[in-house]
Amino acid sequence: MASIVVLPKARKTPEEKTLLGAYRLIALLSCMGKVIEKVISNRMMEAAETYRLLPEGQMENRKGRSTEHAIHMVVEAVHTGWSYGAVATLMQLDITGAFDAVG
């Protein structure tokens, strides 16, 4: 379990300090909790890879998958779409900043 500490951001005016964006959430975790989390994470990832539970397009935190590999897959998908006369659209989401404060 994490303890969340709220810290004000530097150089904010009194008006800006009334906004949520004027503060930063910091998650404080115990060292033992981090070790246990890492062990469980490794075991879960090994099981997911062994039993092929993750989609082929999942790139993050997987052995043998790199940013270069991900770019190659996106370019290949776009070229395949174009060969059929389709329009290609790419949407990327980065939600990693939310995970420390979830709980």
N, C-alpha and C. Protein backbone atom coordinates (compact mmCIF):
# COMPACT_ATOMS: atom_id res chain seq x y z
N MET A 1 0.85 -1.17 0.00
CA MET A 1 0.00 0.00 0.00
C MET A 1 0.89 1.23 0.00
N ALA A 2 0.53 2.19 -0.79
CA ALA A 2 1.32 3.43 -0.90
C ALA A 2 0.70 4.54 -0.06
N SER A 3 1.56 5.36 0.49
CA SER A 3 1.11 6.61 1.12
C SER A 3 1.30 7.70 0.08
N ILE A 4 0.28 8.50 -0.14
CA ILE A 4 0.34 9.56 -1.13
C ILE A 4 0.58 10.88 -0.42
N VAL A 5 1.61 11.62 -0.84
CA VAL A 5 1.95 12.92 -0.28
C VAL A 5 1.66 13.97 -1.36
N VAL A 6 1.03 15.05 -0.97
CA VAL A 6 0.70 16.13 -1.90
C VAL A 6 1.70 17.27 -1.69
N LEU A 7 2.44 17.60 -2.75
CA LEU A 7 3.44 18.66 -2.68
C LEU A 7 3.06 19.78 -3.64
N PRO A 8 3.14 21.03 -3.18
CA PRO A 8 2.84 22.14 -4.10
C PRO A 8 3.98 22.32 -5.11
N LYS A 9 3.63 22.68 -6.33
CA LYS A 9 4.63 22.97 -7.34
C LYS A 9 5.21 24.36 -7.08
N ALA A 10 6.47 24.56 -7.46
CA ALA A 10 7.17 25.82 -7.19
C ALA A 10 6.61 26.96 -8.04
N ARG A 11 6.80 28.17 -7.54
CA ARG A 11 6.49 29.41 -8.26
C ARG A 11 5.05 29.49 -8.78
N LYS A 12 4.10 29.20 -7.94
CA LYS A 12 2.69 29.35 -8.31
C LYS A 12 2.11 30.56 -7.59
N THR A 13 1.29 31.31 -8.30
CA THR A 13 0.64 32.47 -7.69
C THR A 13 -0.48 31.98 -6.77
N PRO A 14 -0.96 32.82 -5.86
CA PRO A 14 -2.07 32.41 -4.99
C PRO A 14 -3.30 31.95 -5.78
N GLU A 15 -3.56 32.58 -6.91
CA GLU A 15 -4.69 32.17 -7.75
C GLU A 15 -4.47 30.78 -8.34
N GLU A 16 -3.23 30.53 -8.80
CA GLU A 16 -2.91 29.21 -9.39
C GLU A 16 -2.95 28.10 -8.34
N LYS A 17 -2.67 28.44 -7.07
CA LYS A 17 -2.67 27.42 -6.01
C LYS A 17 -4.06 26.90 -5.69
N THR A 18 -5.09 27.53 -6.23
CA THR A 18 -6.45 27.03 -6.03
C THR A 18 -6.80 25.93 -7.04
N LEU A 19 -5.93 25.71 -8.02
CA LEU A 19 -6.15 24.70 -9.06
C LEU A 19 -5.47 23.39 -8.70
N LEU A 20 -6.06 22.28 -9.12
CA LEU A 20 -5.47 20.97 -8.85
C LEU A 20 -4.10 20.81 -9.50
N GLY A 21 -3.89 21.41 -10.65
CA GLY A 21 -2.63 21.29 -11.37
C GLY A 21 -1.46 21.95 -10.66
N ALA A 22 -1.72 22.68 -9.59
CA ALA A 22 -0.65 23.36 -8.86
C ALA A 22 0.02 22.43 -7.84
N TYR A 23 -0.43 21.19 -7.80
CA TYR A 23 0.10 20.24 -6.81
C TYR A 23 0.56 18.96 -7.50
N ARG A 24 1.51 18.30 -6.87
CA ARG A 24 2.08 17.06 -7.39
C ARG A 24 1.84 15.94 -6.38
N LEU A 25 1.33 14.79 -6.86
CA LEU A 25 1.13 13.63 -6.00
C LEU A 25 2.36 12.74 -6.04
N ILE A 26 2.89 12.39 -4.88
CA ILE A 26 4.06 11.52 -4.78
C ILE A 26 3.66 10.28 -4.00
N ALA A 27 3.88 9.10 -4.58
CA ALA A 27 3.56 7.84 -3.91
C ALA A 27 4.80 7.35 -3.16
N LEU A 28 4.64 7.10 -1.87
CA LEU A 28 5.73 6.60 -1.05
C LEU A 28 5.48 5.11 -0.77
N LEU A 29 6.39 4.27 -1.23
CA LEU A 29 6.26 2.82 -1.06
C LEU A 29 7.40 2.29 -0.21
N SER A 30 7.14 1.22 0.51
CA SER A 30 8.20 0.60 1.31
C SER A 30 9.12 -0.20 0.40
N CYS A 31 10.36 -0.37 0.82
CA CYS A 31 11.34 -1.14 0.02
C CYS A 31 10.93 -2.59 -0.11
N MET A 32 10.46 -3.19 0.98
CA MET A 32 10.05 -4.61 0.93
C MET A 32 8.87 -4.78 -0.02
N GLY A 33 7.96 -3.81 -0.01
CA GLY A 33 6.82 -3.87 -0.92
C GLY A 33 7.26 -3.85 -2.38
N LYS A 34 8.29 -3.05 -2.67
CA LYS A 34 8.81 -2.99 -4.04
C LYS A 34 9.46 -4.30 -4.45
N VAL A 35 10.17 -4.95 -3.53
CA VAL A 35 10.81 -6.24 -3.83
C VAL A 35 9.76 -7.29 -4.12
N ILE A 36 8.76 -7.38 -3.27
CA ILE A 36 7.68 -8.36 -3.47
C ILE A 36 6.94 -8.08 -4.77
N GLU A 37 6.67 -6.81 -5.05
CA GLU A 37 6.00 -6.43 -6.29
C GLU A 37 6.80 -6.89 -7.51
N LYS A 38 8.12 -6.73 -7.47
CA LYS A 38 8.98 -7.12 -8.60
C LYS A 38 8.97 -8.63 -8.80
N VAL A 39 9.04 -9.39 -7.71
CA VAL A 39 9.03 -10.86 -7.80
C VAL A 39 7.72 -11.33 -8.41
N ILE A 40 6.60 -10.80 -7.92
CA ILE A 40 5.30 -11.21 -8.45
C ILE A 40 5.15 -10.79 -9.90
N SER A 41 5.62 -9.59 -10.23
CA SER A 41 5.55 -9.10 -11.60
C SER A 41 6.32 -10.01 -12.55
N ASN A 42 7.53 -10.42 -12.14
CA ASN A 42 8.34 -11.32 -12.98
C ASN A 42 7.64 -12.65 -13.20
N ARG A 43 7.04 -13.19 -12.15
CA ARG A 43 6.34 -14.49 -12.27
C ARG A 43 5.12 -14.37 -13.17
N MET A 44 4.39 -13.28 -13.04
CA MET A 44 3.21 -13.09 -13.88
C MET A 44 3.60 -12.92 -15.35
N MET A 45 4.68 -12.16 -15.60
CA MET A 45 5.12 -11.96 -16.98
C MET A 45 5.60 -13.27 -17.59
N GLU A 46 6.32 -14.06 -16.81
CA GLU A 46 6.79 -15.36 -17.30
C GLU A 46 5.61 -16.25 -17.67
N ALA A 47 4.59 -16.29 -16.83
CA ALA A 47 3.40 -17.10 -17.11
C ALA A 47 2.67 -16.58 -18.35
N ALA A 48 2.54 -15.27 -18.47
CA ALA A 48 1.86 -14.68 -19.62
C ALA A 48 2.58 -15.01 -20.92
N GLU A 49 3.91 -14.98 -20.89
CA GLU A 49 4.69 -15.33 -22.09
C GLU A 49 4.60 -16.82 -22.38
N THR A 50 4.71 -17.65 -21.35
CA THR A 50 4.67 -19.11 -21.53
C THR A 50 3.36 -19.56 -22.15
N TYR A 51 2.24 -19.01 -21.66
CA TYR A 51 0.92 -19.44 -22.12
C TYR A 51 0.34 -18.52 -23.19
N ARG A 52 1.17 -17.61 -23.72
CA ARG A 52 0.78 -16.72 -24.81
C ARG A 52 -0.53 -15.98 -24.52
N LEU A 53 -0.58 -15.35 -23.35
CA LEU A 53 -1.78 -14.65 -22.91
C LEU A 53 -1.85 -13.20 -23.39
N LEU A 54 -0.74 -12.69 -23.89
CA LEU A 54 -0.70 -11.29 -24.34
C LEU A 54 -0.82 -11.22 -25.86
N PRO A 55 -1.48 -10.18 -26.36
CA PRO A 55 -1.58 -10.04 -27.81
C PRO A 55 -0.21 -9.74 -28.42
N GLU A 56 -0.03 -10.13 -29.67
CA GLU A 56 1.26 -9.91 -30.34
C GLU A 56 1.63 -8.44 -30.42
N GLY A 57 0.64 -7.55 -30.45
CA GLY A 57 0.90 -6.13 -30.54
C GLY A 57 1.33 -5.48 -29.24
N GLN A 58 1.28 -6.22 -28.14
CA GLN A 58 1.71 -5.68 -26.84
C GLN A 58 3.23 -5.62 -26.83
N MET A 59 3.79 -4.42 -26.64
CA MET A 59 5.24 -4.25 -26.74
C MET A 59 5.92 -3.97 -25.40
N GLU A 60 5.29 -3.17 -24.56
CA GLU A 60 5.95 -2.68 -23.36
C GLU A 60 6.26 -3.81 -22.37
N ASN A 61 7.47 -3.76 -21.83
CA ASN A 61 7.93 -4.69 -20.79
C ASN A 61 7.92 -6.15 -21.23
N ARG A 62 8.24 -6.39 -22.49
CA ARG A 62 8.32 -7.77 -22.98
C ARG A 62 9.71 -8.01 -23.55
N LYS A 63 10.26 -9.17 -23.22
CA LYS A 63 11.58 -9.53 -23.74
C LYS A 63 11.51 -9.70 -25.26
N GLY A 64 12.54 -9.23 -25.94
CA GLY A 64 12.60 -9.37 -27.39
C GLY A 64 11.75 -8.35 -28.13
N ARG A 65 11.14 -7.42 -27.43
CA ARG A 65 10.34 -6.38 -28.06
C ARG A 65 11.00 -5.04 -27.78
N SER A 66 11.21 -4.26 -28.82
CA SER A 66 11.87 -2.97 -28.66
C SER A 66 11.04 -1.90 -29.36
N THR A 67 11.43 -0.66 -29.16
CA THR A 67 10.78 0.44 -29.84
C THR A 67 10.93 0.28 -31.35
N GLU A 68 12.10 -0.17 -31.78
CA GLU A 68 12.34 -0.40 -33.21
C GLU A 68 11.37 -1.45 -33.76
N HIS A 69 11.13 -2.51 -33.00
CA HIS A 69 10.20 -3.56 -33.40
C HIS A 69 8.77 -3.00 -33.49
N ALA A 70 8.38 -2.17 -32.53
CA ALA A 70 7.05 -1.57 -32.54
C ALA A 70 6.86 -0.66 -33.75
N ILE A 71 7.86 0.15 -34.06
CA ILE A 71 7.77 1.04 -35.23
C ILE A 71 7.66 0.23 -36.51
N HIS A 72 8.44 -0.85 -36.60
CA HIS A 72 8.36 -1.71 -37.78
C HIS A 72 6.95 -2.28 -37.94
N MET A 73 6.32 -2.72 -36.85
CA MET A 73 4.96 -3.27 -36.94
C MET A 73 3.95 -2.22 -37.38
N VAL A 74 4.09 -0.99 -36.87
CA VAL A 74 3.16 0.08 -37.26
C VAL A 74 3.33 0.41 -38.74
N VAL A 75 4.56 0.56 -39.19
CA VAL A 75 4.82 0.88 -40.60
C VAL A 75 4.28 -0.24 -41.50
N GLU A 76 4.50 -1.48 -41.10
CA GLU A 76 4.00 -2.62 -41.88
C GLU A 76 2.47 -2.61 -41.96
N ALA A 77 1.79 -2.30 -40.85
CA ALA A 77 0.33 -2.24 -40.84
C ALA A 77 -0.18 -1.12 -41.73
N VAL A 78 0.49 0.04 -41.71
CA VAL A 78 0.09 1.16 -42.56
C VAL A 78 0.27 0.80 -44.03
N HIS A 79 1.39 0.21 -44.36
CA HIS A 79 1.63 -0.17 -45.76
C HIS A 79 0.62 -1.21 -46.23
N THR A 80 0.26 -2.15 -45.37
CA THR A 80 -0.75 -3.16 -45.73
C THR A 80 -2.09 -2.48 -45.99
N GLY A 81 -2.46 -1.55 -45.11
CA GLY A 81 -3.72 -0.81 -45.31
C GLY A 81 -3.72 -0.03 -46.60
N TRP A 82 -2.62 0.65 -46.87
CA TRP A 82 -2.52 1.42 -48.11
C TRP A 82 -2.63 0.53 -49.34
N SER A 83 -2.08 -0.67 -49.26
CA SER A 83 -2.14 -1.56 -50.43
C SER A 83 -3.57 -1.98 -50.75
N TYR A 84 -4.48 -1.89 -49.76
CA TYR A 84 -5.89 -2.18 -49.99
C TYR A 84 -6.71 -0.90 -50.20
N GLY A 85 -6.03 0.25 -50.31
CA GLY A 85 -6.72 1.51 -50.54
C GLY A 85 -7.36 2.09 -49.29
N ALA A 86 -6.96 1.64 -48.13
CA ALA A 86 -7.54 2.11 -46.87
C ALA A 86 -6.80 3.35 -46.36
N VAL A 87 -7.42 4.01 -45.38
CA VAL A 87 -6.81 5.15 -44.71
C VAL A 87 -6.30 4.64 -43.36
N ALA A 88 -5.08 5.02 -43.00
CA ALA A 88 -4.49 4.57 -41.74
C ALA A 88 -4.54 5.69 -40.71
N THR A 89 -4.95 5.35 -39.48
CA THR A 89 -4.99 6.30 -38.37
C THR A 89 -4.28 5.66 -37.19
N LEU A 90 -3.50 6.46 -36.47
CA LEU A 90 -2.76 5.96 -35.32
C LEU A 90 -3.15 6.76 -34.09
N MET A 91 -3.52 6.07 -33.02
CA MET A 91 -3.82 6.72 -31.74
C MET A 91 -2.95 6.07 -30.68
N GLN A 92 -2.21 6.89 -29.93
CA GLN A 92 -1.35 6.39 -28.87
C GLN A 92 -1.80 6.97 -27.55
N LEU A 93 -1.80 6.16 -26.49
CA LEU A 93 -2.19 6.60 -25.17
C LEU A 93 -1.04 6.37 -24.20
N ASP A 94 -0.80 7.33 -23.33
CA ASP A 94 0.20 7.18 -22.29
C ASP A 94 -0.48 7.44 -20.96
N ILE A 95 -0.81 6.37 -20.23
CA ILE A 95 -1.53 6.51 -18.97
C ILE A 95 -0.66 6.09 -17.79
N THR A 96 0.64 5.95 -18.02
CA THR A 96 1.51 5.46 -16.96
C THR A 96 1.57 6.39 -15.76
N GLY A 97 1.37 7.69 -15.96
CA GLY A 97 1.44 8.64 -14.85
C GLY A 97 0.32 8.43 -13.84
N ALA A 98 -0.75 7.76 -14.22
CA ALA A 98 -1.88 7.57 -13.32
C ALA A 98 -1.68 6.42 -12.35
N PHE A 99 -0.79 5.48 -12.66
CA PHE A 99 -0.74 4.26 -11.87
C PHE A 99 -0.20 4.41 -10.45
N ASP A 100 0.73 5.32 -10.20
CA ASP A 100 1.24 5.49 -8.85
C ASP A 100 0.16 5.96 -7.88
N ALA A 101 -0.82 6.71 -8.37
CA ALA A 101 -1.84 7.27 -7.50
C ALA A 101 -3.09 6.40 -7.43
N VAL A 102 -3.13 5.29 -8.15
CA VAL A 102 -4.30 4.42 -8.13
C VAL A 102 -4.20 3.50 -6.92
N GLY A 103 -5.29 3.30 -6.24
CA GLY A 103 -5.21 2.38 -5.11
C GLY A 103 -6.29 2.51 -4.21
